[in-house]
Amino acid sequence: MTEADAVLDVRDRDDPPFPVISDALDDLSPGESLLLVNGFEPEPLYDVLADRGFDHETERVDDDEWHVTIERE
């Protein structure tokens, strides 16, 4: 995967991040990607991504920072 078309950092959100992530995914066109920055590995998200037709790659960049690059197939 290449550089993301959009970045969404949900580390400092006070509300649940899933609705915001879901909205960002809805905005992706085929072939576009989103870099999700999170404070933990969002394992529950992976099944949702697969069910919705997205590929993803996850990288732990620090103890409390995970980057998930999500691409619409």
N, C-alpha and C. Protein backbone atom coordinates (compact mmCIF):
# COMPACT_ATOMS: atom_id res chain seq x y z
N MET A 1 0.84 -1.18 0.00
CA MET A 1 0.00 0.00 0.00
C MET A 1 0.88 1.25 0.00
N THR A 2 0.41 2.27 -0.64
CA THR A 2 1.17 3.51 -0.76
C THR A 2 0.67 4.52 0.27
N GLU A 3 1.14 5.76 0.13
CA GLU A 3 0.73 6.82 1.04
C GLU A 3 -0.79 6.99 1.01
N ALA A 4 -1.37 7.19 2.19
CA ALA A 4 -2.83 7.26 2.32
C ALA A 4 -3.40 8.55 1.73
N ASP A 5 -4.62 8.45 1.23
CA ASP A 5 -5.33 9.61 0.70
C ASP A 5 -5.89 10.48 1.82
N ALA A 6 -6.14 9.89 3.00
CA ALA A 6 -6.69 10.63 4.14
C ALA A 6 -6.11 10.05 5.42
N VAL A 7 -6.06 10.88 6.47
CA VAL A 7 -5.56 10.45 7.78
C VAL A 7 -6.64 10.75 8.81
N LEU A 8 -6.89 9.78 9.69
CA LEU A 8 -7.84 9.95 10.78
C LEU A 8 -7.15 9.52 12.07
N ASP A 9 -6.92 10.48 12.96
CA ASP A 9 -6.28 10.22 14.25
C ASP A 9 -7.37 10.22 15.31
N VAL A 10 -7.61 9.06 15.93
CA VAL A 10 -8.69 8.94 16.92
C VAL A 10 -8.15 8.78 18.34
N ARG A 11 -6.88 9.03 18.54
CA ARG A 11 -6.27 8.80 19.87
C ARG A 11 -6.84 9.68 20.96
N ASP A 12 -7.19 10.91 20.66
CA ASP A 12 -7.61 11.83 21.72
C ASP A 12 -9.12 12.07 21.75
N ARG A 13 -9.88 11.21 21.14
CA ARG A 13 -11.34 11.39 21.11
C ARG A 13 -11.94 11.01 22.46
N ASP A 14 -12.95 11.77 22.89
CA ASP A 14 -13.67 11.45 24.12
C ASP A 14 -14.86 10.53 23.84
N ASP A 15 -15.32 10.52 22.60
CA ASP A 15 -16.46 9.68 22.24
C ASP A 15 -15.95 8.41 21.56
N PRO A 16 -16.81 7.40 21.43
CA PRO A 16 -16.37 6.17 20.76
C PRO A 16 -15.94 6.47 19.32
N PRO A 17 -14.80 5.94 18.90
CA PRO A 17 -14.28 6.28 17.57
C PRO A 17 -14.95 5.55 16.42
N PHE A 18 -15.65 4.45 16.68
CA PHE A 18 -16.15 3.66 15.56
C PHE A 18 -17.05 4.42 14.60
N PRO A 19 -18.01 5.24 15.07
CA PRO A 19 -18.85 5.97 14.11
C PRO A 19 -18.04 6.90 13.19
N VAL A 20 -17.02 7.53 13.73
CA VAL A 20 -16.18 8.43 12.94
C VAL A 20 -15.36 7.62 11.93
N ILE A 21 -14.85 6.47 12.36
CA ILE A 21 -14.10 5.60 11.45
C ILE A 21 -15.02 5.10 10.34
N SER A 22 -16.22 4.68 10.71
CA SER A 22 -17.18 4.18 9.73
C SER A 22 -17.51 5.25 8.68
N ASP A 23 -17.72 6.49 9.13
CA ASP A 23 -18.00 7.59 8.20
C ASP A 23 -16.83 7.82 7.26
N ALA A 24 -15.60 7.75 7.79
CA ALA A 24 -14.41 7.96 6.96
C ALA A 24 -14.29 6.84 5.92
N LEU A 25 -14.64 5.62 6.31
CA LEU A 25 -14.59 4.51 5.36
C LEU A 25 -15.63 4.69 4.26
N ASP A 26 -16.80 5.19 4.62
CA ASP A 26 -17.86 5.43 3.63
C ASP A 26 -17.43 6.44 2.58
N ASP A 27 -16.54 7.35 2.96
CA ASP A 27 -16.08 8.40 2.05
C ASP A 27 -15.02 7.93 1.06
N LEU A 28 -14.45 6.73 1.30
CA LEU A 28 -13.39 6.24 0.42
C LEU A 28 -13.96 5.70 -0.89
N SER A 29 -13.36 6.11 -1.98
CA SER A 29 -13.69 5.56 -3.30
C SER A 29 -12.81 4.34 -3.55
N PRO A 30 -13.18 3.49 -4.50
CA PRO A 30 -12.33 2.35 -4.83
C PRO A 30 -10.90 2.79 -5.15
N GLY A 31 -9.94 2.10 -4.54
CA GLY A 31 -8.53 2.42 -4.75
C GLY A 31 -7.98 3.46 -3.80
N GLU A 32 -8.84 4.15 -3.06
CA GLU A 32 -8.37 5.14 -2.08
C GLU A 32 -8.08 4.46 -0.75
N SER A 33 -7.26 5.15 0.07
CA SER A 33 -6.88 4.57 1.35
C SER A 33 -6.98 5.60 2.47
N LEU A 34 -7.09 5.07 3.67
CA LEU A 34 -7.19 5.87 4.89
C LEU A 34 -6.14 5.38 5.86
N LEU A 35 -5.40 6.30 6.46
CA LEU A 35 -4.48 5.95 7.54
C LEU A 35 -5.18 6.24 8.85
N LEU A 36 -5.48 5.19 9.60
CA LEU A 36 -6.10 5.33 10.92
C LEU A 36 -4.99 5.29 11.96
N VAL A 37 -4.93 6.32 12.80
CA VAL A 37 -3.95 6.39 13.88
C VAL A 37 -4.72 6.15 15.18
N ASN A 38 -4.29 5.13 15.94
CA ASN A 38 -5.01 4.74 17.14
C ASN A 38 -4.02 4.50 18.27
N GLY A 39 -4.52 4.55 19.50
CA GLY A 39 -3.67 4.35 20.67
C GLY A 39 -3.50 2.89 21.06
N PHE A 40 -4.22 1.99 20.38
CA PHE A 40 -4.12 0.56 20.63
C PHE A 40 -4.44 -0.17 19.33
N GLU A 41 -4.10 -1.44 19.27
CA GLU A 41 -4.42 -2.19 18.06
C GLU A 41 -5.93 -2.42 18.00
N PRO A 42 -6.58 -1.93 16.97
CA PRO A 42 -8.05 -2.02 16.90
C PRO A 42 -8.52 -3.37 16.32
N GLU A 43 -8.18 -4.45 17.01
CA GLU A 43 -8.49 -5.79 16.51
C GLU A 43 -9.97 -5.99 16.18
N PRO A 44 -10.92 -5.46 16.97
CA PRO A 44 -12.34 -5.67 16.62
C PRO A 44 -12.71 -5.06 15.26
N LEU A 45 -11.94 -4.09 14.81
CA LEU A 45 -12.23 -3.43 13.54
C LEU A 45 -11.91 -4.33 12.34
N TYR A 46 -11.00 -5.27 12.49
CA TYR A 46 -10.53 -6.06 11.36
C TYR A 46 -11.65 -6.87 10.70
N ASP A 47 -12.51 -7.49 11.49
CA ASP A 47 -13.62 -8.26 10.91
C ASP A 47 -14.59 -7.34 10.18
N VAL A 48 -14.83 -6.16 10.74
CA VAL A 48 -15.71 -5.18 10.10
C VAL A 48 -15.13 -4.78 8.75
N LEU A 49 -13.83 -4.52 8.72
CA LEU A 49 -13.17 -4.14 7.46
C LEU A 49 -13.32 -5.24 6.42
N ALA A 50 -13.07 -6.47 6.83
CA ALA A 50 -13.17 -7.59 5.90
C ALA A 50 -14.61 -7.74 5.38
N ASP A 51 -15.58 -7.61 6.28
CA ASP A 51 -16.98 -7.75 5.88
C ASP A 51 -17.40 -6.65 4.91
N ARG A 52 -16.77 -5.48 5.02
CA ARG A 52 -17.15 -4.35 4.17
C ARG A 52 -16.28 -4.24 2.92
N GLY A 53 -15.36 -5.18 2.72
CA GLY A 53 -14.57 -5.20 1.49
C GLY A 53 -13.34 -4.32 1.50
N PHE A 54 -12.73 -4.15 2.67
CA PHE A 54 -11.52 -3.35 2.78
C PHE A 54 -10.33 -4.25 3.08
N ASP A 55 -9.17 -3.88 2.54
CA ASP A 55 -7.89 -4.48 2.92
C ASP A 55 -7.26 -3.58 3.97
N HIS A 56 -6.40 -4.15 4.81
CA HIS A 56 -5.71 -3.31 5.79
C HIS A 56 -4.33 -3.89 6.11
N GLU A 57 -3.46 -2.98 6.51
CA GLU A 57 -2.14 -3.34 7.04
C GLU A 57 -1.96 -2.57 8.33
N THR A 58 -1.45 -3.25 9.35
CA THR A 58 -1.28 -2.63 10.66
C THR A 58 0.19 -2.57 11.02
N GLU A 59 0.59 -1.44 11.60
CA GLU A 59 1.97 -1.26 12.05
C GLU A 59 1.95 -0.61 13.43
N ARG A 60 2.67 -1.21 14.37
CA ARG A 60 2.85 -0.60 15.69
C ARG A 60 4.06 0.31 15.61
N VAL A 61 3.83 1.62 15.78
CA VAL A 61 4.93 2.57 15.64
C VAL A 61 5.48 3.04 16.98
N ASP A 62 4.74 2.78 18.06
CA ASP A 62 5.18 3.13 19.41
C ASP A 62 4.34 2.30 20.38
N ASP A 63 4.66 2.37 21.67
CA ASP A 63 3.90 1.59 22.64
C ASP A 63 2.42 1.93 22.63
N ASP A 64 2.10 3.20 22.36
CA ASP A 64 0.70 3.62 22.38
C ASP A 64 0.27 4.27 21.05
N GLU A 65 0.89 3.80 19.97
CA GLU A 65 0.51 4.33 18.65
C GLU A 65 0.54 3.23 17.61
N TRP A 66 -0.60 3.02 16.99
CA TRP A 66 -0.77 2.03 15.94
C TRP A 66 -1.26 2.72 14.68
N HIS A 67 -0.72 2.34 13.54
CA HIS A 67 -1.16 2.87 12.25
C HIS A 67 -1.80 1.72 11.48
N VAL A 68 -3.03 1.95 11.05
CA VAL A 68 -3.74 0.98 10.23
C VAL A 68 -4.04 1.65 8.89
N THR A 69 -3.43 1.15 7.84
CA THR A 69 -3.69 1.65 6.51
C THR A 69 -4.81 0.80 5.91
N ILE A 70 -5.90 1.45 5.57
CA ILE A 70 -7.12 0.77 5.10
C ILE A 70 -7.36 1.19 3.66
N GLU A 71 -7.59 0.21 2.80
CA GLU A 71 -7.82 0.51 1.39
C GLU A 71 -9.09 -0.17 0.92
N ARG A 72 -9.90 0.62 0.18
CA ARG A 72 -11.10 0.03 -0.41
C ARG A 72 -10.69 -0.77 -1.63
N GLU A 73 -11.16 -2.01 -1.71
CA GLU A 73 -10.82 -2.90 -2.83
C GLU A 73 -11.52 -2.45 -4.09
